[in-house]
PDB file of N, CA and C in Angstrom:
ATOM      1  N   MET A   1      -5.589 -16.101  19.081  1.00  0.00           N
ATOM      2  CA  MET A   1      -6.137 -14.911  18.956  1.00  0.00           C
ATOM      3  C   MET A   1      -5.169 -13.736  18.974  1.00  0.00           C
ATOM      4  N   GLN A   2      -5.364 -12.754  18.348  1.00  0.00           N
ATOM      5  CA  GLN A   2      -4.341 -11.592  18.476  1.00  0.00           C
ATOM      6  C   GLN A   2      -5.048 -10.391  18.979  1.00  0.00           C
ATOM      7  N   SER A   3      -4.369  -9.571  19.600  1.00  0.00           N
ATOM      8  CA  SER A   3      -4.862  -8.399  20.187  1.00  0.00           C
ATOM      9  C   SER A   3      -5.330  -7.216  19.320  1.00  0.00           C
ATOM     10  N   LYS A   4      -4.785  -7.268  18.019  1.00  0.00           N
ATOM     11  CA  LYS A   4      -5.002  -6.165  17.059  1.00  0.00           C
ATOM     12  C   LYS A   4      -5.453  -6.788  15.763  1.00  0.00           C
ATOM     13  N   CYS A   5      -6.334  -6.177  14.975  1.00  0.00           N
ATOM     14  CA  CYS A   5      -6.765  -6.755  13.788  1.00  0.00           C
ATOM     15  C   CYS A   5      -5.417  -6.481  12.707  1.00  0.00           C
ATOM     16  N   LYS A   6      -5.634  -7.034  11.549  1.00  0.00           N
ATOM     17  CA  LYS A   6      -4.579  -6.970  10.545  1.00  0.00           C
ATOM     18  C   LYS A   6      -4.334  -5.591  10.086  1.00  0.00           C
ATOM     19  N   PRO A   7      -5.376  -4.869   9.803  1.00  0.00           N
ATOM     20  CA  PRO A   7      -4.983  -3.423   9.304  1.00  0.00           C
ATOM     21  C   PRO A   7      -4.420  -2.604  10.323  1.00  0.00           C
ATOM     22  N   CYS A   8      -4.940  -2.687  11.687  1.00  0.00           N
ATOM     23  CA  CYS A   8      -4.275  -2.010  12.734  1.00  0.00           C
ATOM     24  C   CYS A   8      -2.685  -2.445  12.911  1.00  0.00           C
ATOM     25  N   LYS A   9      -2.378  -3.636  12.693  1.00  0.00           N
ATOM     26  CA  LYS A   9      -1.107  -4.136  12.815  1.00  0.00           C
ATOM     27  C   LYS A   9      -0.259  -3.492  11.769  1.00  0.00           C
ATOM     28  N   GLU A  10      -0.746  -3.408  10.528  1.00  0.00           N
ATOM     29  CA  GLU A  10      -0.023  -2.950   9.420  1.00  0.00           C
ATOM     30  C   GLU A  10       0.284  -1.435   9.648  1.00  0.00           C
ATOM     31  N   ILE A  11      -0.713  -0.615  10.090  1.00  0.00           N
ATOM     32  CA  ILE A  11      -0.493   0.659  10.408  1.00  0.00           C
ATOM     33  C   ILE A  11       0.468   1.031  11.500  1.00  0.00           C
ATOM     34  N   GLN A  12       0.550   0.026  12.525  1.00  0.00           N
ATOM     35  CA  GLN A  12       1.519   0.160  13.493  1.00  0.00           C
ATOM     36  C   GLN A  12       2.974  -0.162  12.971  1.00  0.00           C
ATOM     37  N   LYS A  13       3.093  -1.231  12.134  1.00  0.00           N
ATOM     38  CA  LYS A  13       4.424  -1.571  11.468  1.00  0.00           C
ATOM     39  C   LYS A  13       4.842  -0.348  10.484  1.00  0.00           C
ATOM     40  N   SER A  14       3.882   0.248   9.817  1.00  0.00           N
ATOM     41  CA  SER A  14       4.281   1.359   8.919  1.00  0.00           C
ATOM     42  C   SER A  14       4.947   2.478   9.850  1.00  0.00           C
ATOM     43  N   LYS A  15       4.100   2.881  10.842  1.00  0.00           N
ATOM     44  CA  LYS A  15       4.719   3.914  11.705  1.00  0.00           C
ATOM     45  C   LYS A  15       5.977   3.754  12.235  1.00  0.00           C
ATOM     46  N   ALA A  16       6.204   2.447  12.588  1.00  0.00           N
ATOM     47  CA  ALA A  16       7.575   2.080  13.304  1.00  0.00           C
ATOM     48  C   ALA A  16       8.610   2.048  12.125  1.00  0.00           C
ATOM     49  N   PHE A  17       8.218   1.723  10.907  1.00  0.00           N
ATOM     50  CA  PHE A  17       9.238   1.813   9.870  1.00  0.00           C
ATOM     51  C   PHE A  17       9.533   3.171   9.525  1.00  0.00           C
ATOM     52  N   MET A  18       8.633   4.041   9.661  1.00  0.00           N
ATOM     53  CA  MET A  18       8.773   5.511   9.249  1.00  0.00           C
ATOM     54  C   MET A  18       9.739   6.090  10.236  1.00  0.00           C
ATOM     55  N   LYS A  19       9.585   5.792  11.551  1.00  0.00           N
ATOM     56  CA  LYS A  19      10.453   6.255  12.576  1.00  0.00           C
ATOM     57  C   LYS A  19      11.882   5.688  12.503  1.00  0.00           C
ATOM     58  N   ARG A  20      11.958   4.379  12.209  1.00  0.00           N
ATOM     59  CA  ARG A  20      13.170   3.724  12.096  1.00  0.00           C
ATOM     60  C   ARG A  20      13.975   4.159  10.894  1.00  0.00           C
ATOM     61  N   ARG A  21      13.344   4.244   9.665  1.00  0.00           N
ATOM     62  CA  ARG A  21      14.047   4.504   8.452  1.00  0.00           C
ATOM     63  C   ARG A  21      14.278   5.966   8.184  1.00  0.00           C
ATOM     64  N   TYR A  22      13.505   6.814   8.458  1.00  0.00           N
ATOM     65  CA  TYR A  22      13.491   8.206   8.058  1.00  0.00           C
ATOM     66  C   TYR A  22      13.466   9.088   9.468  1.00  0.00           C
ATOM     67  N   GLY A  23      13.460   8.548  10.579  1.00  0.00           N
ATOM     68  CA  GLY A  23      13.621   9.467  11.754  1.00  0.00           C
ATOM     69  C   GLY A  23      12.489  10.373  11.979  1.00  0.00           C
ATOM     70  N   ILE A  24      11.312  10.138  11.515  1.00  0.00           N
ATOM     71  CA  ILE A  24      10.130  11.048  11.728  1.00  0.00           C
ATOM     72  C   ILE A  24       9.039  10.278  12.174  1.00  0.00           C
ATOM     73  N   THR A  25       8.204  10.927  12.962  1.00  0.00           N
ATOM     74  CA  THR A  25       7.061  10.212  13.575  1.00  0.00           C
ATOM     75  C   THR A  25       5.974  10.289  12.512  1.00  0.00           C
ATOM     76  N   PHE A  26       4.860   9.471  12.683  1.00  0.00           N
ATOM     77  CA  PHE A  26       3.686   9.647  11.951  1.00  0.00           C
ATOM     78  C   PHE A  26       3.069  11.097  12.009  1.00  0.00           C
ATOM     79  N   GLU A  27       2.975  11.611  13.200  1.00  0.00           N
ATOM     80  CA  GLU A  27       2.441  13.031  13.336  1.00  0.00           C
ATOM     81  C   GLU A  27       3.480  13.981  12.406  1.00  0.00           C
ATOM     82  N   GLU A  28       4.732  13.804  12.447  1.00  0.00           N
ATOM     83  CA  GLU A  28       5.509  14.855  11.696  1.00  0.00           C
ATOM     84  C   GLU A  28       5.348  14.702  10.215  1.00  0.00           C
ATOM     85  N   TYR A  29       5.058  13.324   9.791  1.00  0.00           N
ATOM     86  CA  TYR A  29       4.699  13.063   8.436  1.00  0.00           C
ATOM     87  C   TYR A  29       3.403  13.933   8.090  1.00  0.00           C
ATOM     88  N   LEU A  30       2.496  13.746   8.872  1.00  0.00           N
ATOM     89  CA  LEU A  30       1.118  14.435   8.634  1.00  0.00           C
ATOM     90  C   LEU A  30       1.346  16.008   8.740  1.00  0.00           C
ATOM     91  N   GLN A  31       2.252  16.589   9.525  1.00  0.00           N
ATOM     92  CA  GLN A  31       2.482  17.933   9.555  1.00  0.00           C
ATOM     93  C   GLN A  31       3.121  18.429   8.170  1.00  0.00           C
ATOM     94  N   ARG A  32       3.995  17.586   7.611  1.00  0.00           N
ATOM     95  CA  ARG A  32       4.602  17.937   6.262  1.00  0.00           C
ATOM     96  C   ARG A  32       3.707  17.775   5.331  1.00  0.00           C
ATOM     97  N   LEU A  33       2.761  16.809   5.319  1.00  0.00           N
ATOM     98  CA  LEU A  33       1.673  16.583   4.277  1.00  0.00           C
ATOM     99  C   LEU A  33       0.865  17.727   4.330  1.00  0.00           C
ATOM    100  N   GLU A  34       0.465  18.266   5.493  1.00  0.00           N
ATOM    101  CA  GLU A  34      -0.419  19.534   5.622  1.00  0.00           C
ATOM    102  C   GLU A  34       0.269  20.775   5.047  1.00  0.00           C
ATOM    103  N   ALA A  35       1.554  20.813   5.357  1.00  0.00           N
ATOM    104  CA  ALA A  35       2.501  21.973   4.937  1.00  0.00           C
ATOM    105  C   ALA A  35       2.512  21.979   3.465  1.00  0.00           C
ATOM    106  N   GLN A  36       2.340  20.882   2.736  1.00  0.00           N
ATOM    107  CA  GLN A  36       2.462  20.653   1.313  1.00  0.00           C
ATOM    108  C   GLN A  36       1.148  20.693   0.656  1.00  0.00           C
ATOM    109  N   ASN A  37       0.086  20.894   1.512  1.00  0.00           N
ATOM    110  CA  ASN A  37      -1.295  20.990   0.959  1.00  0.00           C
ATOM    111  C   ASN A  37      -1.779  19.569   0.422  1.00  0.00           C
ATOM    112  N   ASN A  38      -1.195  18.488   0.897  1.00  0.00           N
ATOM    113  CA  ASN A  38      -1.458  17.129   0.483  1.00  0.00           C
ATOM    114  C   ASN A  38      -1.061  17.021  -0.938  1.00  0.00           C
ATOM    115  N   LYS A  39      -0.051  17.652  -1.441  1.00  0.00           N
ATOM    116  CA  LYS A  39       0.437  17.559  -2.835  1.00  0.00           C
ATOM    117  C   LYS A  39       1.976  17.296  -2.970  1.00  0.00           C
ATOM    118  N   CYS A  40       2.357  16.931  -3.877  1.00  0.00           N
ATOM    119  CA  CYS A  40       3.796  16.527  -4.248  1.00  0.00           C
ATOM    120  C   CYS A  40       4.749  17.650  -4.238  1.00  0.00           C
ATOM    121  N   ALA A  41       5.855  17.503  -3.647  1.00  0.00           N
ATOM    122  CA  ALA A  41       6.667  18.767  -3.475  1.00  0.00           C
ATOM    123  C   ALA A  41       7.293  19.119  -4.780  1.00  0.00           C
ATOM    124  N   ILE A  42       7.185  18.312  -5.766  1.00  0.00           N
ATOM    125  CA  ILE A  42       7.882  18.480  -7.158  1.00  0.00           C
ATOM    126  C   ILE A  42       6.817  19.058  -8.037  1.00  0.00           C
ATOM    127  N   CYS A  43       5.808  18.013  -8.315  1.00  0.00           N
ATOM    128  CA  CYS A  43       4.866  18.392  -9.381  1.00  0.00           C
ATOM    129  C   CYS A  43       3.571  19.069  -8.985  1.00  0.00           C
ATOM    130  N   GLY A  44       3.435  19.124  -7.729  1.00  0.00           N
ATOM    131  CA  GLY A  44       2.199  19.636  -7.107  1.00  0.00           C
ATOM    132  C   GLY A  44       0.873  18.855  -7.412  1.00  0.00           C
ATOM    133  N   SER A  45       1.157  17.584  -7.699  1.00  0.00           N
ATOM    134  CA  SER A  45      -0.118  16.704  -8.003  1.00  0.00           C
ATOM    135  C   SER A  45      -0.766  16.388  -6.653  1.00  0.00           C
ATOM    136  N   ALA A  46      -2.064  16.413  -6.609  1.00  0.00           N
ATOM    137  CA  ALA A  46      -2.855  15.992  -5.537  1.00  0.00           C
ATOM    138  C   ALA A  46      -3.355  14.504  -5.921  1.00  0.00           C
ATOM    139  N   ASP A  47      -3.060  14.044  -7.058  1.00  0.00           N
ATOM    140  CA  ASP A  47      -3.657  12.794  -7.461  1.00  0.00           C
ATOM    141  C   ASP A  47      -2.666  11.734  -7.308  1.00  0.00           C
ATOM    142  N   HIS A  48      -2.580  11.037  -6.240  1.00  0.00           N
ATOM    143  CA  HIS A  48      -1.523  10.222  -5.852  1.00  0.00           C
ATOM    144  C   HIS A  48      -1.843   8.756  -6.319  1.00  0.00           C
ATOM    145  N   LYS A  49      -1.259   8.492  -7.503  1.00  0.00           N
ATOM    146  CA  LYS A  49      -1.306   7.181  -8.104  1.00  0.00           C
ATOM    147  C   LYS A  49       0.010   6.496  -7.938  1.00  0.00           C
ATOM    148  N   ASN A  50      -0.164   5.165  -7.707  1.00  0.00           N
ATOM    149  CA  ASN A  50       1.229   4.363  -7.747  1.00  0.00           C
ATOM    150  C   ASN A  50       1.571   4.080  -9.195  1.00  0.00           C
ATOM    151  N   LYS A  51       2.773   4.533  -9.503  1.00  0.00           N
ATOM    152  CA  LYS A  51       3.272   4.436 -10.839  1.00  0.00           C
ATOM    153  C   LYS A  51       3.137   3.089 -11.600  1.00  0.00           C
ATOM    154  N   ARG A  52       3.458   2.046 -10.720  1.00  0.00           N
ATOM    155  CA  ARG A  52       3.452   0.701 -11.376  1.00  0.00           C
ATOM    156  C   ARG A  52       1.991   0.127 -11.431  1.00  0.00           C
ATOM    157  N   THR A  53       1.164   0.353 -10.482  1.00  0.00           N
ATOM    158  CA  THR A  53      -0.114  -0.340 -10.531  1.00  0.00           C
ATOM    159  C   THR A  53      -1.116   0.685 -10.942  1.00  0.00           C
ATOM    160  N   GLY A  54      -0.944   1.951 -10.993  1.00  0.00           N
ATOM    161  CA  GLY A  54      -1.947   2.676 -11.402  1.00  0.00           C
ATOM    162  C   GLY A  54      -3.150   3.091 -10.358  1.00  0.00           C
ATOM    163  N   LYS A  55      -3.090   2.374  -9.249  1.00  0.00           N
ATOM    164  CA  LYS A  55      -4.020   2.577  -8.298  1.00  0.00           C
ATOM    165  C   LYS A  55      -3.756   3.801  -7.345  1.00  0.00           C
ATOM    166  N   LEU A  56      -4.976   4.376  -6.878  1.00  0.00           N
ATOM    167  CA  LEU A  56      -4.927   5.621  -6.060  1.00  0.00           C
ATOM    168  C   LEU A  56      -4.421   5.122  -4.773  1.00  0.00           C
ATOM    169  N   VAL A  57      -3.420   5.782  -4.130  1.00  0.00           N
ATOM    170  CA  VAL A  57      -2.903   5.612  -2.910  1.00  0.00           C
ATOM    171  C   VAL A  57      -3.039   6.707  -1.983  1.00  0.00           C
ATOM    172  N   GLN A  58      -3.103   6.498  -0.759  1.00  0.00           N
ATOM    173  CA  GLN A  58      -3.385   7.380   0.359  1.00  0.00           C
ATOM    174  C   GLN A  58      -2.258   8.284   0.774  1.00  0.00           C
ATOM    175  N   THR A  59      -1.050   7.934   0.445  1.00  0.00           N
ATOM    176  CA  THR A  59       0.065   8.589   0.960  1.00  0.00           C
ATOM    177  C   THR A  59       1.080   8.957  -0.041  1.00  0.00           C
ATOM    178  N   LEU A  60       1.835  10.019   0.252  1.00  0.00           N
ATOM    179  CA  LEU A  60       3.079  10.412  -0.595  1.00  0.00           C
ATOM    180  C   LEU A  60       4.189   9.746   0.031  1.00  0.00           C
ATOM    181  N   PHE A  61       5.292   9.490  -0.677  1.00  0.00           N
ATOM    182  CA  PHE A  61       6.462   8.930  -0.424  1.00  0.00           C
ATOM    183  C   PHE A  61       7.400   9.746   0.330  1.00  0.00           C
ATOM    184  N   ILE A  62       8.213   9.463   1.241  1.00  0.00           N
ATOM    185  CA  ILE A  62       9.078  10.248   2.075  1.00  0.00           C
ATOM    186  C   ILE A  62      10.368  10.207   1.120  1.00  0.00           C
ATOM    187  N   ASP A  63      10.755  11.328   0.689  1.00  0.00           N
ATOM    188  CA  ASP A  63      12.026  11.568  -0.051  1.00  0.00           C
ATOM    189  C   ASP A  63      12.997  12.099   0.944  1.00  0.00           C
ATOM    190  N   HIS A  64      14.249  11.407   0.849  1.00  0.00           N
ATOM    191  CA  HIS A  64      15.357  11.807   1.555  1.00  0.00           C
ATOM    192  C   HIS A  64      16.688  11.681   0.987  1.00  0.00           C
ATOM    193  N   ASP A  65      17.663  12.529   1.500  1.00  0.00           N
ATOM    194  CA  ASP A  65      19.006  12.616   0.965  1.00  0.00           C
ATOM    195  C   ASP A  65      19.684  11.282   1.294  1.00  0.00           C
ATOM    196  N   HIS A  66      20.105  10.376   0.366  1.00  0.00           N
ATOM    197  CA  HIS A  66      20.632   9.131   0.739  1.00  0.00           C
ATOM    198  C   HIS A  66      21.976   9.287   1.441  1.00  0.00           C
ATOM    199  N   ALA A  67      22.774  10.339   1.298  1.00  0.00           N
ATOM    200  CA  ALA A  67      24.089  10.540   1.938  1.00  0.00           C
ATOM    201  C   ALA A  67      23.878  10.902   3.429  1.00  0.00           C
ATOM    202  N   THR A  68      22.900  11.814   3.548  1.00  0.00           N
ATOM    203  CA  THR A  68      22.762  12.409   4.924  1.00  0.00           C
ATOM    204  C   THR A  68      21.432  11.688   5.702  1.00  0.00           C
ATOM    205  N   GLY A  69      20.633  11.216   4.964  1.00  0.00           N
ATOM    206  CA  GLY A  69      19.398  10.602   5.655  1.00  0.00           C
ATOM    207  C   GLY A  69      18.241  11.690   5.921  1.00  0.00           C
ATOM    208  N   LYS A  70      18.633  12.960   5.614  1.00  0.00           N
ATOM    209  CA  LYS A  70      17.667  14.051   6.055  1.00  0.00           C
ATOM    210  C   LYS A  70      16.478  14.099   4.971  1.00  0.00           C
ATOM    211  N   VAL A  71      15.376  14.128   5.682  1.00  0.00           N
ATOM    212  CA  VAL A  71      14.082  14.096   4.845  1.00  0.00           C
ATOM    213  C   VAL A  71      13.879  15.453   4.225  1.00  0.00           C
ATOM    214  N   ARG A  72      13.692  15.440   2.671  1.00  0.00           N
ATOM    215  CA  ARG A  72      13.637  16.638   1.970  1.00  0.00           C
ATOM    216  C   ARG A  72      12.156  17.007   1.762  1.00  0.00           C
ATOM    217  N   GLY A  73      11.248  15.985   1.670  1.00  0.00           N
ATOM    218  CA  GLY A  73       9.799  16.309   1.391  1.00  0.00           C
ATOM    219  C   GLY A  73       8.979  15.087   1.071  1.00  0.00           C
ATOM    220  N   LEU A  74       7.712  15.220   0.664  1.00  0.00           N
ATOM    221  CA  LEU A  74       7.011  14.226   0.357  1.00  0.00           C
ATOM    222  C   LEU A  74       6.780  14.178  -1.119  1.00  0.00           C
ATOM    223  N   LEU A  75       6.819  13.022  -1.778  1.00  0.00           N
ATOM    224  CA  LEU A  75       6.592  13.085  -3.372  1.00  0.00           C
ATOM    225  C   LEU A  75       5.566  12.045  -3.833  1.00  0.00           C
ATOM    226  N   CYS A  76       5.163  12.283  -4.817  1.00  0.00           N
ATOM    227  CA  CYS A  76       4.117  11.259  -5.595  1.00  0.00           C
ATOM    228  C   CYS A  76       4.923  10.076  -6.053  1.00  0.00           C
ATOM    229  N   SER A  77       4.524   9.062  -6.444  1.00  0.00           N
ATOM    230  CA  SER A  77       5.041   7.990  -6.936  1.00  0.00           C
ATOM    231  C   SER A  77       6.032   8.137  -8.105  1.00  0.00           C
ATOM    232  N   ALA A  78       5.358   9.003  -9.108  1.00  0.00           N
ATOM    233  CA  ALA A  78       6.132   9.186 -10.295  1.00  0.00           C
ATOM    234  C   ALA A  78       7.391  10.121  -9.977  1.00  0.00           C
ATOM    235  N   CYS A  79       7.334  11.184  -9.311  1.00  0.00           N
ATOM    236  CA  CYS A  79       8.412  12.005  -8.968  1.00  0.00           C
ATOM    237  C   CYS A  79       9.385  11.304  -8.077  1.00  0.00           C
ATOM    238  N   ASN A  80       8.984  10.504  -7.186  1.00  0.00           N
ATOM    239  CA  ASN A  80       9.960   9.629  -6.438  1.00  0.00           C
ATOM    240  C   ASN A  80      10.763   8.817  -7.178  1.00  0.00           C
ATOM    241  N   HIS A  81      10.194   8.034  -8.087  1.00  0.00           N
ATOM    242  CA  HIS A  81      10.892   7.162  -8.873  1.00  0.00           C
ATOM    243  C   HIS A  81      11.721   7.887  -9.932  1.00  0.00           C
ATOM    244  N   ALA A  82      11.318   9.050 -10.372  1.00  0.00           N
ATOM    245  CA  ALA A  82      12.118   9.798 -11.455  1.00  0.00           C
ATOM    246  C   ALA A  82      13.296  10.212 -10.777  1.00  0.00           C
ATOM    247  N   LEU A  83      13.319  10.800  -9.482  1.00  0.00           N
ATOM    248  CA  LEU A  83      14.461  11.214  -8.699  1.00  0.00           C
ATOM    249  C   LEU A  83      15.369   9.997  -8.503  1.00  0.00           C
ATOM    250  N   GLY A  84      14.723   8.874  -8.155  1.00  0.00           N
ATOM    251  CA  GLY A  84      15.591   7.681  -7.881  1.00  0.00           C
ATOM    252  C   GLY A  84      16.423   7.147  -9.055  1.00  0.00           C
ATOM    253  N   GLN A  85      15.891   7.447 -10.309  1.00  0.00           N
ATOM    254  CA  GLN A  85      16.680   7.074 -11.592  1.00  0.00           C
ATOM    255  C   GLN A  85      17.886   8.137 -11.629  1.00  0.00           C
ATOM    256  N   PHE A  86      17.793   9.226 -11.155  1.00  0.00           N
ATOM    257  CA  PHE A  86      19.016  10.044 -11.179  1.00  0.00           C
ATOM    258  C   PHE A  86      20.048   9.854  -9.947  1.00  0.00           C
ATOM    259  N   LYS A  87      19.526   8.960  -9.045  1.00  0.00           N
ATOM    260  CA  LYS A  87      20.421   8.579  -7.915  1.00  0.00           C
ATOM    261  C   LYS A  87      21.074   9.813  -7.196  1.00  0.00           C
ATOM    262  N   ASP A  88      20.225  10.830  -6.854  1.00  0.00           N
ATOM    263  CA  ASP A  88      20.657  12.000  -6.280  1.00  0.00           C
ATOM    264  C   ASP A  88      21.849  12.775  -6.926  1.00  0.00           C
ATOM    265  N   ASN A  89      22.021  12.635  -8.280  1.00  0.00           N
ATOM    266  CA  ASN A  89      23.118  13.250  -8.904  1.00  0.00           C
ATOM    267  C   ASN A  89      22.535  14.595  -9.323  1.00  0.00           C
ATOM    268  N   LYS A  90      22.932  15.554  -8.682  1.00  0.00           N
ATOM    269  CA  LYS A  90      22.478  16.928  -9.006  1.00  0.00           C
ATOM    270  C   LYS A  90      22.918  17.516 -10.382  1.00  0.00           C
ATOM    271  N   ALA A  91      24.185  17.129 -10.753  1.00  0.00           N
ATOM    272  CA  ALA A  91      24.719  17.584 -11.967  1.00  0.00           C
ATOM    273  C   ALA A  91      23.921  16.984 -13.084  1.00  0.00           C
ATOM    274  N   ALA A  92      23.620  15.679 -13.070  1.00  0.00           N
ATOM    275  CA  ALA A  92      22.744  15.068 -14.135  1.00  0.00           C
ATOM    276  C   ALA A  92      21.446  15.634 -14.046  1.00  0.00           C
ATOM    277  N   LEU A  93      20.773  16.013 -13.030  1.00  0.00           N
ATOM    278  CA  LEU A  93      19.467  16.650 -12.891  1.00  0.00           C
ATOM    279  C   LEU A  93      19.507  17.958 -13.559  1.00  0.00           C
ATOM    280  N   PHE A  94      20.579  18.757 -13.381  1.00  0.00           N
ATOM    281  CA  PHE A  94      20.643  20.107 -13.910  1.00  0.00           C
ATOM    282  C   PHE A  94      20.834  19.875 -15.517  1.00  0.00           C
ATOM    283  N   ARG A  95      21.646  18.859 -15.910  1.00  0.00           N
ATOM    284  CA  ARG A  95      21.808  18.726 -17.352  1.00  0.00           C
ATOM    285  C   ARG A  95      20.337  18.385 -18.017  1.00  0.00           C
ATOM    286  N   ALA A  96      19.645  17.478 -17.265  1.00  0.00           N
ATOM    287  CA  ALA A  96      18.222  17.157 -17.714  1.00  0.00           C
ATOM    288  C   ALA A  96      17.378  18.417 -17.819  1.00  0.00           C
ATOM    289  N   LYS A  97      17.582  19.256 -16.920  1.00  0.00           N
ATOM    290  CA  LYS A  97      16.585  20.599 -16.993  1.00  0.00           C
ATOM    291  C   LYS A  97      17.144  21.332 -18.033  1.00  0.00           C
ATOM    292  N   GLU A  98      18.303  21.508 -18.400  1.00  0.00           N
ATOM    293  CA  GLU A  98      18.897  22.287 -19.427  1.00  0.00           C
ATOM    294  C   GLU A  98      18.452  21.616 -20.759  1.00  0.00           C
ATOM    295  N   TYR A  99      18.448  20.291 -20.970  1.00  0.00           N
ATOM    296  CA  TYR A  99      18.022  19.633 -21.990  1.00  0.00           C
ATOM    297  C   TYR A  99      16.469  19.954 -22.361  1.00  0.00           C
ATOM    298  N   LEU A 100      15.749  19.826 -21.317  1.00  0.00           N
ATOM    299  CA  LEU A 100      14.288  20.117 -21.472  1.00  0.00           C
ATOM    300  C   LEU A 100      13.962  21.614 -21.961  1.00  0.00           C
ATOM    301  N   ILE A 101      14.631  22.546 -21.459  1.00  0.00           N
ATOM    302  CA  ILE A 101      14.248  23.945 -21.837  1.00  0.00           C
ATOM    303  C   ILE A 101      14.930  24.377 -23.115  1.00  0.00           C
ATOM    304  N   GLN A 102      15.630  23.519 -23.825  1.00  0.00           N
ATOM    305  CA  GLN A 102      16.213  23.873 -25.152  1.00  0.00           C
ATOM    306  C   GLN A 102      15.086  24.117 -25.947  1.00  0.00           C
TER     307      GLN A 102
END
């Protein structure tokens, strides 16, 4: 027998991962989420769907600077994956912006 149910263990593991990987507590995550009005920091979407599965998800992804580890904000799946494709290359992102506004 285990002292915690599976969903509770998963939540505990998720909180520990958040602290270990990004250096923020679950409470800090919730504060950021509230500050962003439960919306993606880039597109402003409140409809949080996983890009691959199309299923509604309860959370936004924690975006961070890969060089410094600093948390930048919370993003939906689509924006998180889009930034990942650019590999934090700001020059490439600016070129993409210029391309789009032509």
